């Protein structure tokens, strides 16, 4: 689903709106970055658009400039927390591991990831 309005039952929309607390690490005009509550690497930050879009391909089609802003904020976070070396992962669909259906990129770093998360 692609919408610009917040979805009332969406966890990440609620975080973006400040209704659910999160450790916000960075913010830009259209993107928010916050610490993952179940980190899989020493640096594990989620970057999400402030608008609700279900998955990354929908965001790319509807608002490519926001996807570019998301990637830029991910790079900024990695520069601040992971010496600029990072992996940016998007899961699209339940079989790919997506559990919250608001597009989000996982910024992973802070260690040698090697074959992990490949």
PDB file of N, CA and C in Angstrom:
ATOM      1  N   UNK A   1       0.842  -1.180   0.000  1.00  0.00           N
ATOM      2  CA  UNK A   1       0.000   0.000   0.000  1.00  0.00           C
ATOM      3  C   UNK A   1       0.885   1.241   0.000  1.00  0.00           C
ATOM      4  N   UNK A   2       0.526   2.214  -0.794  1.00  0.00           N
ATOM      5  CA  UNK A   2       1.231   3.492  -0.829  1.00  0.00           C
ATOM      6  C   UNK A   2       0.248   4.588  -0.466  1.00  0.00           C
ATOM      7  N   UNK A   3       0.559   5.328   0.568  1.00  0.00           N
ATOM      8  CA  UNK A   3      -0.249   6.477   0.942  1.00  0.00           C
ATOM      9  C   UNK A   3       0.697   7.551   1.440  1.00  0.00           C
ATOM     10  N   UNK A   4       0.208   8.749   1.526  1.00  0.00           N
ATOM     11  CA  UNK A   4       1.025   9.793   2.136  1.00  0.00           C
ATOM     12  C   UNK A   4       0.578  10.043   3.564  1.00  0.00           C
ATOM     13  N   UNK A   5      -0.648   9.660   3.880  1.00  0.00           N
ATOM     14  CA  UNK A   5      -1.170   9.856   5.230  1.00  0.00           C
ATOM     15  C   UNK A   5      -0.704   8.725   6.133  1.00  0.00           C
ATOM     16  N   UNK A   6      -0.513   9.009   7.408  1.00  0.00           N
ATOM     17  CA  UNK A   6      -0.140   7.940   8.343  1.00  0.00           C
ATOM     18  C   UNK A   6      -1.221   6.866   8.405  1.00  0.00           C
ATOM     19  N   UNK A   7      -0.802   5.641   8.550  1.00  0.00           N
ATOM     20  CA  UNK A   7      -1.723   4.524   8.733  1.00  0.00           C
ATOM     21  C   UNK A   7      -1.907   4.342  10.239  1.00  0.00           C
ATOM     22  N   UNK A   8      -3.137   4.320  10.726  1.00  0.00           N
ATOM     23  CA  UNK A   8      -3.367   4.300  12.173  1.00  0.00           C
ATOM     24  C   UNK A   8      -2.786   3.086  12.893  1.00  0.00           C
ATOM     25  N   UNK A   9      -2.689   1.943  12.226  1.00  0.00           N
ATOM     26  CA  UNK A   9      -2.178   0.737  12.873  1.00  0.00           C
ATOM     27  C   UNK A   9      -0.721   0.451  12.541  1.00  0.00           C
ATOM     28  N   UNK A  10      -0.022   1.399  11.918  1.00  0.00           N
ATOM     29  CA  UNK A  10       1.365   1.182  11.498  1.00  0.00           C
ATOM     30  C   UNK A  10       2.334   1.595  12.609  1.00  0.00           C
ATOM     31  N   UNK A  11       3.149   0.656  13.052  1.00  0.00           N
ATOM     32  CA  UNK A  11       4.135   0.914  14.100  1.00  0.00           C
ATOM     33  C   UNK A  11       5.055   2.071  13.722  1.00  0.00           C
ATOM     34  N   UNK A  12       5.581   2.069  12.492  1.00  0.00           N
ATOM     35  CA  UNK A  12       6.547   3.104  12.113  1.00  0.00           C
ATOM     36  C   UNK A  12       5.885   4.458  11.914  1.00  0.00           C
ATOM     37  N   UNK A  13       4.630   4.488  11.452  1.00  0.00           N
ATOM     38  CA  UNK A  13       3.909   5.771  11.391  1.00  0.00           C
ATOM     39  C   UNK A  13       3.781   6.341  12.800  1.00  0.00           C
ATOM     40  N   UNK A  14       3.495   5.479  13.780  1.00  0.00           N
ATOM     41  CA  UNK A  14       3.359   5.929  15.167  1.00  0.00           C
ATOM     42  C   UNK A  14       4.685   6.439  15.717  1.00  0.00           C
ATOM     43  N   UNK A  15       5.792   5.822  15.345  1.00  0.00           N
ATOM     44  CA  UNK A  15       7.113   6.308  15.767  1.00  0.00           C
ATOM     45  C   UNK A  15       7.398   7.659  15.128  1.00  0.00           C
ATOM     46  N   UNK A  16       7.148   7.772  13.832  1.00  0.00           N
ATOM     47  CA  UNK A  16       7.372   9.036  13.117  1.00  0.00           C
ATOM     48  C   UNK A  16       6.566  10.162  13.757  1.00  0.00           C
ATOM     49  N   UNK A  17       5.330   9.871  14.149  1.00  0.00           N
ATOM     50  CA  UNK A  17       4.457  10.880  14.755  1.00  0.00           C
ATOM     51  C   UNK A  17       4.781  11.151  16.223  1.00  0.00           C
ATOM     52  N   UNK A  18       5.701  10.381  16.818  1.00  0.00           N
ATOM     53  CA  UNK A  18       6.046  10.568  18.220  1.00  0.00           C
ATOM     54  C   UNK A  18       5.075   9.928  19.190  1.00  0.00           C
ATOM     55  N   UNK A  19       4.168   9.098  18.702  1.00  0.00           N
ATOM     56  CA  UNK A  19       3.194   8.430  19.566  1.00  0.00           C
ATOM     57  C   UNK A  19       3.809   7.239  20.296  1.00  0.00           C
ATOM     58  N   UNK A  20       4.835   6.655  19.699  1.00  0.00           N
ATOM     59  CA  UNK A  20       5.574   5.551  20.311  1.00  0.00           C
ATOM     60  C   UNK A  20       7.021   6.019  20.429  1.00  0.00           C
ATOM     61  N   UNK A  21       7.610   5.890  21.616  1.00  0.00           N
ATOM     62  CA  UNK A  21       8.987   6.369  21.788  1.00  0.00           C
ATOM     63  C   UNK A  21       9.986   5.504  21.021  1.00  0.00           C
ATOM     64  N   UNK A  22      11.030   6.150  20.555  1.00  0.00           N
ATOM     65  CA  UNK A  22      12.132   5.480  19.873  1.00  0.00           C
ATOM     66  C   UNK A  22      13.379   6.330  20.058  1.00  0.00           C
ATOM     67  N   UNK A  23      14.527   5.696  19.937  1.00  0.00           N
ATOM     68  CA  UNK A  23      15.790   6.427  20.012  1.00  0.00           C
ATOM     69  C   UNK A  23      16.092   7.003  18.622  1.00  0.00           C
ATOM     70  N   UNK A  24      15.660   8.233  18.398  1.00  0.00           N
ATOM     71  CA  UNK A  24      15.872   8.896  17.109  1.00  0.00           C
ATOM     72  C   UNK A  24      17.344   9.295  17.026  1.00  0.00           C
ATOM     73  N   UNK A  25      18.003   8.871  15.948  1.00  0.00           N
ATOM     74  CA  UNK A  25      19.428   9.192  15.793  1.00  0.00           C
ATOM     75  C   UNK A  25      19.676  10.233  14.717  1.00  0.00           C
ATOM     76  N   UNK A  26      18.728  10.431  13.811  1.00  0.00           N
ATOM     77  CA  UNK A  26      18.877  11.440  12.759  1.00  0.00           C
ATOM     78  C   UNK A  26      17.506  11.684  12.138  1.00  0.00           C
ATOM     79  N   UNK A  27      17.401  12.842  11.521  1.00  0.00           N
ATOM     80  CA  UNK A  27      16.140  13.218  10.885  1.00  0.00           C
ATOM     81  C   UNK A  27      16.463  14.168   9.738  1.00  0.00           C
ATOM     82  N   UNK A  28      15.706  14.063   8.667  1.00  0.00           N
ATOM     83  CA  UNK A  28      15.774  15.029   7.579  1.00  0.00           C
ATOM     84  C   UNK A  28      14.337  15.456   7.298  1.00  0.00           C
ATOM     85  N   UNK A  29      14.134  16.183   6.243  1.00  0.00           N
ATOM     86  CA  UNK A  29      12.783  16.689   5.962  1.00  0.00           C
ATOM     87  C   UNK A  29      11.749  15.574   5.829  1.00  0.00           C
ATOM     88  N   UNK A  30      12.118  14.474   5.160  1.00  0.00           N
ATOM     89  CA  UNK A  30      11.159  13.417   4.838  1.00  0.00           C
ATOM     90  C   UNK A  30      11.516  12.042   5.366  1.00  0.00           C
ATOM     91  N   UNK A  31      12.557  11.953   6.201  1.00  0.00           N
ATOM     92  CA  UNK A  31      13.062  10.653   6.650  1.00  0.00           C
ATOM     93  C   UNK A  31      13.452  10.740   8.122  1.00  0.00           C
ATOM     94  N   UNK A  32      13.208   9.644   8.846  1.00  0.00           N
ATOM     95  CA  UNK A  32      13.594   9.537  10.251  1.00  0.00           C
ATOM     96  C   UNK A  32      14.436   8.272  10.408  1.00  0.00           C
ATOM     97  N   UNK A  33      15.499   8.366  11.209  1.00  0.00           N
ATOM     98  CA  UNK A  33      16.353   7.217  11.510  1.00  0.00           C
ATOM     99  C   UNK A  33      16.308   6.968  13.016  1.00  0.00           C
ATOM    100  N   UNK A  34      16.109   5.705  13.384  1.00  0.00           N
ATOM    101  CA  UNK A  34      16.059   5.361  14.805  1.00  0.00           C
ATOM    102  C   UNK A  34      16.686   3.993  15.040  1.00  0.00           C
ATOM    103  N   UNK A  35      17.166   3.804  16.271  1.00  0.00           N
ATOM    104  CA  UNK A  35      17.835   2.556  16.634  1.00  0.00           C
ATOM    105  C   UNK A  35      16.846   1.396  16.590  1.00  0.00           C
ATOM    106  N   UNK A  36      17.306   0.262  16.056  1.00  0.00           N
ATOM    107  CA  UNK A  36      16.497  -0.945  16.045  1.00  0.00           C
ATOM    108  C   UNK A  36      16.436  -1.503  17.463  1.00  0.00           C
ATOM    109  N   UNK A  37      15.252  -1.953  17.902  1.00  0.00           N
ATOM    110  CA  UNK A  37      15.138  -2.467  19.266  1.00  0.00           C
ATOM    111  C   UNK A  37      15.659  -3.896  19.408  1.00  0.00           C
ATOM    112  N   UNK A  38      15.953  -4.551  18.289  1.00  0.00           N
ATOM    113  CA  UNK A  38      16.512  -5.901  18.295  1.00  0.00           C
ATOM    114  C   UNK A  38      17.722  -5.913  17.367  1.00  0.00           C
ATOM    115  N   UNK A  39      18.819  -5.238  17.754  1.00  0.00           N
ATOM    116  CA  UNK A  39      19.948  -5.067  16.825  1.00  0.00           C
ATOM    117  C   UNK A  39      20.605  -6.385  16.426  1.00  0.00           C
ATOM    118  N   UNK A  40      20.953  -6.457  15.133  1.00  0.00           N
ATOM    119  CA  UNK A  40      21.626  -7.615  14.568  1.00  0.00           C
ATOM    120  C   UNK A  40      23.103  -7.343  14.284  1.00  0.00           C
ATOM    121  N   UNK A  41      23.555  -6.139  14.611  1.00  0.00           N
ATOM    122  CA  UNK A  41      24.955  -5.728  14.435  1.00  0.00           C
ATOM    123  C   UNK A  41      25.195  -4.608  15.448  1.00  0.00           C
ATOM    124  N   UNK A  42      26.471  -4.287  15.740  1.00  0.00           N
ATOM    125  CA  UNK A  42      26.739  -3.203  16.692  1.00  0.00           C
ATOM    126  C   UNK A  42      26.040  -1.889  16.321  1.00  0.00           C
ATOM    127  N   UNK A  43      25.964  -1.585  15.029  1.00  0.00           N
ATOM    128  CA  UNK A  43      25.166  -0.460  14.552  1.00  0.00           C
ATOM    129  C   UNK A  43      24.010  -1.057  13.766  1.00  0.00           C
ATOM    130  N   UNK A  44      22.799  -0.807  14.238  1.00  0.00           N
ATOM    131  CA  UNK A  44      21.611  -1.278  13.531  1.00  0.00           C
ATOM    132  C   UNK A  44      20.551  -0.200  13.696  1.00  0.00           C
ATOM    133  N   UNK A  45      20.389   0.588  12.645  1.00  0.00           N
ATOM    134  CA  UNK A  45      19.482   1.731  12.639  1.00  0.00           C
ATOM    135  C   UNK A  45      18.488   1.539  11.503  1.00  0.00           C
ATOM    136  N   UNK A  46      17.238   1.868  11.763  1.00  0.00           N
ATOM    137  CA  UNK A  46      16.212   1.822  10.729  1.00  0.00           C
ATOM    138  C   UNK A  46      16.004   3.218  10.182  1.00  0.00           C
ATOM    139  N   UNK A  47      15.915   3.336   8.869  1.00  0.00           N
ATOM    140  CA  UNK A  47      15.618   4.612   8.215  1.00  0.00           C
ATOM    141  C   UNK A  47      14.286   4.451   7.492  1.00  0.00           C
ATOM    142  N   UNK A  48      13.355   5.366   7.789  1.00  0.00           N
ATOM    143  CA  UNK A  48      11.994   5.250   7.270  1.00  0.00           C
ATOM    144  C   UNK A  48      11.537   6.590   6.716  1.00  0.00           C
ATOM    145  N   UNK A  49      10.758   6.572   5.643  1.00  0.00           N
ATOM    146  CA  UNK A  49      10.161   7.825   5.187  1.00  0.00           C
ATOM    147  C   UNK A  49       9.062   8.246   6.155  1.00  0.00           C
ATOM    148  N   UNK A  50       8.828   9.532   6.266  1.00  0.00           N
ATOM    149  CA  UNK A  50       7.753  10.014   7.134  1.00  0.00           C
ATOM    150  C   UNK A  50       6.382   9.717   6.531  1.00  0.00           C
ATOM    151  N   UNK A  51       6.311   9.555   5.231  1.00  0.00           N
ATOM    152  CA  UNK A  51       5.077   9.139   4.565  1.00  0.00           C
ATOM    153  C   UNK A  51       4.984   7.625   4.604  1.00  0.00           C
ATOM    154  N   UNK A  52       3.767   7.108   4.623  1.00  0.00           N
ATOM    155  CA  UNK A  52       3.574   5.659   4.623  1.00  0.00           C
ATOM    156  C   UNK A  52       3.634   5.116   3.199  1.00  0.00           C
ATOM    157  N   UNK A  53       4.559   4.206   2.983  1.00  0.00           N
ATOM    158  CA  UNK A  53       4.669   3.424   1.744  1.00  0.00           C
ATOM    159  C   UNK A  53       4.964   2.001   2.194  1.00  0.00           C
ATOM    160  N   UNK A  54       4.318   1.031   1.604  1.00  0.00           N
ATOM    161  CA  UNK A  54       4.417  -0.345   2.064  1.00  0.00           C
ATOM    162  C   UNK A  54       5.778  -0.985   1.912  1.00  0.00           C
ATOM    163  N   UNK A  55       6.423  -0.758   0.780  1.00  0.00           N
ATOM    164  CA  UNK A  55       7.739  -1.372   0.558  1.00  0.00           C
ATOM    165  C   UNK A  55       8.557  -0.518  -0.412  1.00  0.00           C
ATOM    166  N   UNK A  56       9.825  -0.860  -0.551  1.00  0.00           N
ATOM    167  CA  UNK A  56      10.785   0.015  -1.215  1.00  0.00           C
ATOM    168  C   UNK A  56      10.455   0.276  -2.685  1.00  0.00           C
ATOM    169  N   UNK A  57       9.953  -0.711  -3.414  1.00  0.00           N
ATOM    170  CA  UNK A  57       9.631  -0.486  -4.829  1.00  0.00           C
ATOM    171  C   UNK A  57       8.482   0.502  -4.974  1.00  0.00           C
ATOM    172  N   UNK A  58       7.530   0.452  -4.050  1.00  0.00           N
ATOM    173  CA  UNK A  58       6.422   1.415  -4.077  1.00  0.00           C
ATOM    174  C   UNK A  58       6.935   2.827  -3.816  1.00  0.00           C
ATOM    175  N   UNK A  59       7.845   2.966  -2.859  1.00  0.00           N
ATOM    176  CA  UNK A  59       8.431   4.273  -2.584  1.00  0.00           C
ATOM    177  C   UNK A  59       9.217   4.770  -3.794  1.00  0.00           C
ATOM    178  N   UNK A  60       9.987   3.898  -4.408  1.00  0.00           N
ATOM    179  CA  UNK A  60      10.783   4.289  -5.577  1.00  0.00           C
ATOM    180  C   UNK A  60       9.892   4.780  -6.711  1.00  0.00           C
ATOM    181  N   UNK A  61       8.759   4.131  -6.904  1.00  0.00           N
ATOM    182  CA  UNK A  61       7.845   4.529  -7.981  1.00  0.00           C
ATOM    183  C   UNK A  61       7.116   5.825  -7.654  1.00  0.00           C
ATOM    184  N   UNK A  62       6.693   5.966  -6.390  1.00  0.00           N
ATOM    185  CA  UNK A  62       5.879   7.125  -6.007  1.00  0.00           C
ATOM    186  C   UNK A  62       6.708   8.360  -5.688  1.00  0.00           C
ATOM    187  N   UNK A  63       7.824   8.192  -5.011  1.00  0.00           N
ATOM    188  CA  UNK A  63       8.612   9.327  -4.518  1.00  0.00           C
ATOM    189  C   UNK A  63      10.103   9.007  -4.584  1.00  0.00           C
ATOM    190  N   UNK A  64      10.680   8.898  -5.786  1.00  0.00           N
ATOM    191  CA  UNK A  64      12.100   8.537  -5.886  1.00  0.00           C
ATOM    192  C   UNK A  64      13.013   9.505  -5.142  1.00  0.00           C
ATOM    193  N   UNK A  65      12.618  10.769  -5.044  1.00  0.00           N
ATOM    194  CA  UNK A  65      13.456  11.739  -4.335  1.00  0.00           C
ATOM    195  C   UNK A  65      13.495  11.442  -2.835  1.00  0.00           C
ATOM    196  N   UNK A  66      12.428  10.876  -2.294  1.00  0.00           N
ATOM    197  CA  UNK A  66      12.415  10.506  -0.872  1.00  0.00           C
ATOM    198  C   UNK A  66      13.273   9.263  -0.654  1.00  0.00           C
ATOM    199  N   UNK A  67      13.265   8.342  -1.600  1.00  0.00           N
ATOM    200  CA  UNK A  67      14.151   7.181  -1.493  1.00  0.00           C
ATOM    201  C   UNK A  67      15.606   7.637  -1.522  1.00  0.00           C
ATOM    202  N   UNK A  68      15.934   8.593  -2.384  1.00  0.00           N
ATOM    203  CA  UNK A  68      17.301   9.125  -2.424  1.00  0.00           C
ATOM    204  C   UNK A  68      17.645   9.800  -1.095  1.00  0.00           C
ATOM    205  N   UNK A  69      16.705  10.513  -0.516  1.00  0.00           N
ATOM    206  CA  UNK A  69      16.914  11.166   0.782  1.00  0.00           C
ATOM    207  C   UNK A  69      17.123  10.124   1.881  1.00  0.00           C
ATOM    208  N   UNK A  70      16.380   9.017   1.796  1.00  0.00           N
ATOM    209  CA  UNK A  70      16.531   7.925   2.753  1.00  0.00           C
ATOM    210  C   UNK A  70      17.935   7.340   2.684  1.00  0.00           C
ATOM    211  N   UNK A  71      18.425   7.098   1.469  1.00  0.00           N
ATOM    212  CA  UNK A  71      19.776   6.550   1.298  1.00  0.00           C
ATOM    213  C   UNK A  71      20.821   7.549   1.806  1.00  0.00           C
ATOM    214  N   UNK A  72      20.626   8.829   1.542  1.00  0.00           N
ATOM    215  CA  UNK A  72      21.563   9.849   2.020  1.00  0.00           C
ATOM    216  C   UNK A  72      21.588   9.903   3.546  1.00  0.00           C
ATOM    217  N   UNK A  73      20.431   9.785   4.190  1.00  0.00           N
ATOM    218  CA  UNK A  73      20.409   9.794   5.655  1.00  0.00           C
ATOM    219  C   UNK A  73      21.053   8.528   6.204  1.00  0.00           C
ATOM    220  N   UNK A  74      20.851   7.401   5.531  1.00  0.00           N
ATOM    221  CA  UNK A  74      21.514   6.157   5.934  1.00  0.00           C
ATOM    222  C   UNK A  74      23.032   6.334   5.880  1.00  0.00           C
ATOM    223  N   UNK A  75      23.525   6.950   4.832  1.00  0.00           N
ATOM    224  CA  UNK A  75      24.963   7.195   4.709  1.00  0.00           C
ATOM    225  C   UNK A  75      25.451   8.127   5.819  1.00  0.00           C
ATOM    226  N   UNK A  76      24.676   9.152   6.143  1.00  0.00           N
ATOM    227  CA  UNK A  76      25.043  10.073   7.219  1.00  0.00           C
ATOM    228  C   UNK A  76      25.152   9.326   8.551  1.00  0.00           C
ATOM    229  N   UNK A  77      24.159   8.508   8.847  1.00  0.00           N
ATOM    230  CA  UNK A  77      24.164   7.729  10.091  1.00  0.00           C
ATOM    231  C   UNK A  77      25.375   6.801  10.123  1.00  0.00           C
ATOM    232  N   UNK A  78      25.646   6.133   9.017  1.00  0.00           N
ATOM    233  CA  UNK A  78      26.796   5.229   8.957  1.00  0.00           C
ATOM    234  C   UNK A  78      28.098   5.992   9.150  1.00  0.00           C
ATOM    235  N   UNK A  79      28.180   7.187   8.620  1.00  0.00           N
ATOM    236  CA  UNK A  79      29.377   7.999   8.815  1.00  0.00           C
ATOM    237  C   UNK A  79      29.578   8.378  10.269  1.00  0.00           C
ATOM    238  N   UNK A  80      28.486   8.623  10.967  1.00  0.00           N
ATOM    239  CA  UNK A  80      28.551   9.012  12.376  1.00  0.00           C
ATOM    240  C   UNK A  80      28.758   7.817  13.300  1.00  0.00           C
ATOM    241  N   UNK A  81      28.226   6.656  12.941  1.00  0.00           N
ATOM    242  CA  UNK A  81      28.224   5.533  13.869  1.00  0.00           C
ATOM    243  C   UNK A  81      29.050   4.332  13.431  1.00  0.00           C
ATOM    244  N   UNK A  82      29.403   4.248  12.153  1.00  0.00           N
ATOM    245  CA  UNK A  82      30.060   3.031  11.656  1.00  0.00           C
ATOM    246  C   UNK A  82      31.226   3.345  10.729  1.00  0.00           C
ATOM    247  N   UNK A  83      31.902   4.461  10.948  1.00  0.00           N
ATOM    248  CA  UNK A  83      33.052   4.844  10.128  1.00  0.00           C
ATOM    249  C   UNK A  83      32.747   4.849   8.633  1.00  0.00           C
ATOM    250  N   UNK A  84      31.486   5.079   8.285  1.00  0.00           N
ATOM    251  CA  UNK A  84      31.092   5.185   6.878  1.00  0.00           C
ATOM    252  C   UNK A  84      30.978   3.865   6.155  1.00  0.00           C
ATOM    253  N   UNK A  85      31.227   2.767   6.846  1.00  0.00           N
ATOM    254  CA  UNK A  85      31.130   1.449   6.217  1.00  0.00           C
ATOM    255  C   UNK A  85      29.857   0.776   6.715  1.00  0.00           C
ATOM    256  N   UNK A  86      28.996   0.402   5.785  1.00  0.00           N
ATOM    257  CA  UNK A  86      27.698  -0.106   6.202  1.00  0.00           C
ATOM    258  C   UNK A  86      27.057  -0.950   5.122  1.00  0.00           C
ATOM    259  N   UNK A  87      26.064  -1.674   5.541  1.00  0.00           N
ATOM    260  CA  UNK A  87      25.196  -2.402   4.622  1.00  0.00           C
ATOM    261  C   UNK A  87      23.809  -1.808   4.798  1.00  0.00           C
ATOM    262  N   UNK A  88      23.118  -1.565   3.699  1.00  0.00           N
ATOM    263  CA  UNK A  88      21.753  -1.053   3.728  1.00  0.00           C
ATOM    264  C   UNK A  88      20.852  -2.128   3.132  1.00  0.00           C
ATOM    265  N   UNK A  89      19.930  -2.653   3.956  1.00  0.00           N
ATOM    266  CA  UNK A  89      19.102  -3.789   3.562  1.00  0.00           C
ATOM    267  C   UNK A  89      17.631  -3.395   3.605  1.00  0.00           C
ATOM    268  N   UNK A  90      16.910  -3.741   2.547  1.00  0.00           N
ATOM    269  CA  UNK A  90      15.458  -3.589   2.494  1.00  0.00           C
ATOM    270  C   UNK A  90      14.856  -4.979   2.336  1.00  0.00           C
ATOM    271  N   UNK A  91      13.911  -5.329   3.183  1.00  0.00           N
ATOM    272  CA  UNK A  91      13.155  -6.559   3.029  1.00  0.00           C
ATOM    273  C   UNK A  91      11.812  -6.184   2.407  1.00  0.00           C
ATOM    274  N   UNK A  92      11.439  -6.854   1.335  1.00  0.00           N
ATOM    275  CA  UNK A  92      10.181  -6.539   0.639  1.00  0.00           C
ATOM    276  C   UNK A  92       9.297  -7.772   0.608  1.00  0.00           C
ATOM    277  N   UNK A  93       8.299  -7.784   1.468  1.00  0.00           N
ATOM    278  CA  UNK A  93       7.349  -8.884   1.535  1.00  0.00           C
ATOM    279  C   UNK A  93       7.648  -9.827   2.679  1.00  0.00           C
ATOM    280  N   UNK A  94       6.638 -10.521   3.148  1.00  0.00           N
ATOM    281  CA  UNK A  94       6.795 -11.395   4.308  1.00  0.00           C
ATOM    282  C   UNK A  94       7.793 -12.529   4.101  1.00  0.00           C
ATOM    283  N   UNK A  95       7.868 -13.090   2.901  1.00  0.00           N
ATOM    284  CA  UNK A  95       8.824 -14.176   2.673  1.00  0.00           C
ATOM    285  C   UNK A  95      10.262 -13.671   2.650  1.00  0.00           C
ATOM    286  N   UNK A  96      10.436 -12.375   2.461  1.00  0.00           N
ATOM    287  CA  UNK A  96      11.775 -11.789   2.497  1.00  0.00           C
ATOM    288  C   UNK A  96      12.139 -11.303   3.895  1.00  0.00           C
ATOM    289  N   UNK A  97      11.220 -11.461   4.838  1.00  0.00           N
ATOM    290  CA  UNK A  97      11.505 -11.081   6.209  1.00  0.00           C
ATOM    291  C   UNK A  97      10.903  -9.757   6.642  1.00  0.00           C
ATOM    292  N   UNK A  98      10.117  -9.109   5.776  1.00  0.00           N
ATOM    293  CA  UNK A  98       9.499  -7.847   6.171  1.00  0.00           C
ATOM    294  C   UNK A  98       8.372  -8.141   7.160  1.00  0.00           C
ATOM    295  N   UNK A  99       8.439  -7.501   8.332  1.00  0.00           N
ATOM    296  CA  UNK A  99       7.408  -7.718   9.342  1.00  0.00           C
ATOM    297  C   UNK A  99       6.610  -6.451   9.638  1.00  0.00           C
ATOM    298  N   UNK A 100       7.149  -5.287   9.313  1.00  0.00           N
ATOM    299  CA  UNK A 100       6.426  -4.029   9.428  1.00  0.00           C
ATOM    300  C   UNK A 100       6.285  -3.496   8.004  1.00  0.00           C
ATOM    301  N   UNK A 101       5.059  -3.295   7.559  1.00  0.00           N
ATOM    302  CA  UNK A 101       4.824  -2.967   6.157  1.00  0.00           C
ATOM    303  C   UNK A 101       4.739  -1.461   5.938  1.00  0.00           C
ATOM    304  N   UNK A 102       5.810  -0.818   6.371  1.00  0.00           N
ATOM    305  CA  UNK A 102       6.139   0.599   6.124  1.00  0.00           C
ATOM    306  C   UNK A 102       7.590   0.515   5.701  1.00  0.00           C
ATOM    307  N   UNK A 103       7.890   0.915   4.480  1.00  0.00           N
ATOM    308  CA  UNK A 103       9.241   0.728   3.958  1.00  0.00           C
ATOM    309  C   UNK A 103      10.276   1.221   4.965  1.00  0.00           C
ATOM    310  N   UNK A 104      11.321   0.420   5.138  1.00  0.00           N
ATOM    311  CA  UNK A 104      12.408   0.791   6.034  1.00  0.00           C
ATOM    312  C   UNK A 104      13.685   0.095   5.590  1.00  0.00           C
ATOM    313  N   UNK A 105      14.765   0.856   5.664  1.00  0.00           N
ATOM    314  CA  UNK A 105      16.076   0.304   5.381  1.00  0.00           C
ATOM    315  C   UNK A 105      16.791   0.038   6.689  1.00  0.00           C
ATOM    316  N   UNK A 106      17.504  -1.074   6.742  1.00  0.00           N
ATOM    317  CA  UNK A 106      18.320  -1.421   7.902  1.00  0.00           C
ATOM    318  C   UNK A 106      19.749  -0.982   7.613  1.00  0.00           C
ATOM    319  N   UNK A 107      20.261  -0.051   8.387  1.00  0.00           N
ATOM    320  CA  UNK A 107      21.671   0.334   8.311  1.00  0.00           C
ATOM    321  C   UNK A 107      22.415  -0.565   9.289  1.00  0.00           C
ATOM    322  N   UNK A 108      23.286  -1.409   8.763  1.00  0.00           N
ATOM    323  CA  UNK A 108      24.046  -2.350   9.578  1.00  0.00           C
ATOM    324  C   UNK A 108      25.523  -2.032   9.449  1.00  0.00           C
ATOM    325  N   UNK A 109      26.225  -2.005  10.565  1.00  0.00           N
ATOM    326  CA  UNK A 109      27.661  -1.732  10.527  1.00  0.00           C
ATOM    327  C   UNK A 109      28.266  -1.857  11.895  1.00  0.00           C
ATOM    328  N   UNK A 110      29.466  -1.312  12.010  1.00  0.00           N
ATOM    329  CA  UNK A 110      30.168  -1.344  13.279  1.00  0.00           C
ATOM    330  C   UNK A 110      30.983  -2.591  13.514  1.00  0.00           C
ATOM    331  N   UNK A 111      31.014  -3.485  12.530  1.00  0.00           N
ATOM    332  CA  UNK A 111      31.783  -4.715  12.606  1.00  0.00           C
ATOM    333  C   UNK A 111      32.003  -5.219  11.186  1.00  0.00           C
ATOM    334  N   UNK A 112      32.878  -6.174  11.017  1.00  0.00           N
ATOM    335  CA  UNK A 112      33.039  -6.800   9.715  1.00  0.00           C
ATOM    336  C   UNK A 112      31.838  -7.704   9.489  1.00  0.00           C
ATOM    337  N   UNK A 113      31.031  -7.382   8.508  1.00  0.00           N
ATOM    338  CA  UNK A 113      29.827  -8.153   8.260  1.00  0.00           C
ATOM    339  C   UNK A 113      30.101  -9.403   7.435  1.00  0.00           C
ATOM    340  N   UNK A 114      31.202  -9.406   6.683  1.00  0.00           N
ATOM    341  CA  UNK A 114      31.575 -10.575   5.906  1.00  0.00           C
ATOM    342  C   UNK A 114      30.384 -11.171   5.187  1.00  0.00           C
ATOM    343  N   UNK A 115      30.104 -12.431   5.430  1.00  0.00           N
ATOM    344  CA  UNK A 115      28.989 -13.117   4.795  1.00  0.00           C
ATOM    345  C   UNK A 115      27.673 -12.947   5.521  1.00  0.00           C
ATOM    346  N   UNK A 116      27.694 -12.301   6.678  1.00  0.00           N
ATOM    347  CA  UNK A 116      26.454 -12.105   7.428  1.00  0.00           C
ATOM    348  C   UNK A 116      25.498 -11.209   6.660  1.00  0.00           C
ATOM    349  N   UNK A 117      24.243 -11.522   6.696  1.00  0.00           N
ATOM    350  CA  UNK A 117      23.179 -10.700   6.107  1.00  0.00           C
ATOM    351  C   UNK A 117      23.284 -10.609   4.591  1.00  0.00           C
ATOM    352  N   UNK A 118      24.031 -11.483   3.952  1.00  0.00           N
ATOM    353  CA  UNK A 118      24.195 -11.399   2.494  1.00  0.00           C
ATOM    354  C   UNK A 118      22.969 -11.894   1.788  1.00  0.00           C
TER     355      UNK A 118
END
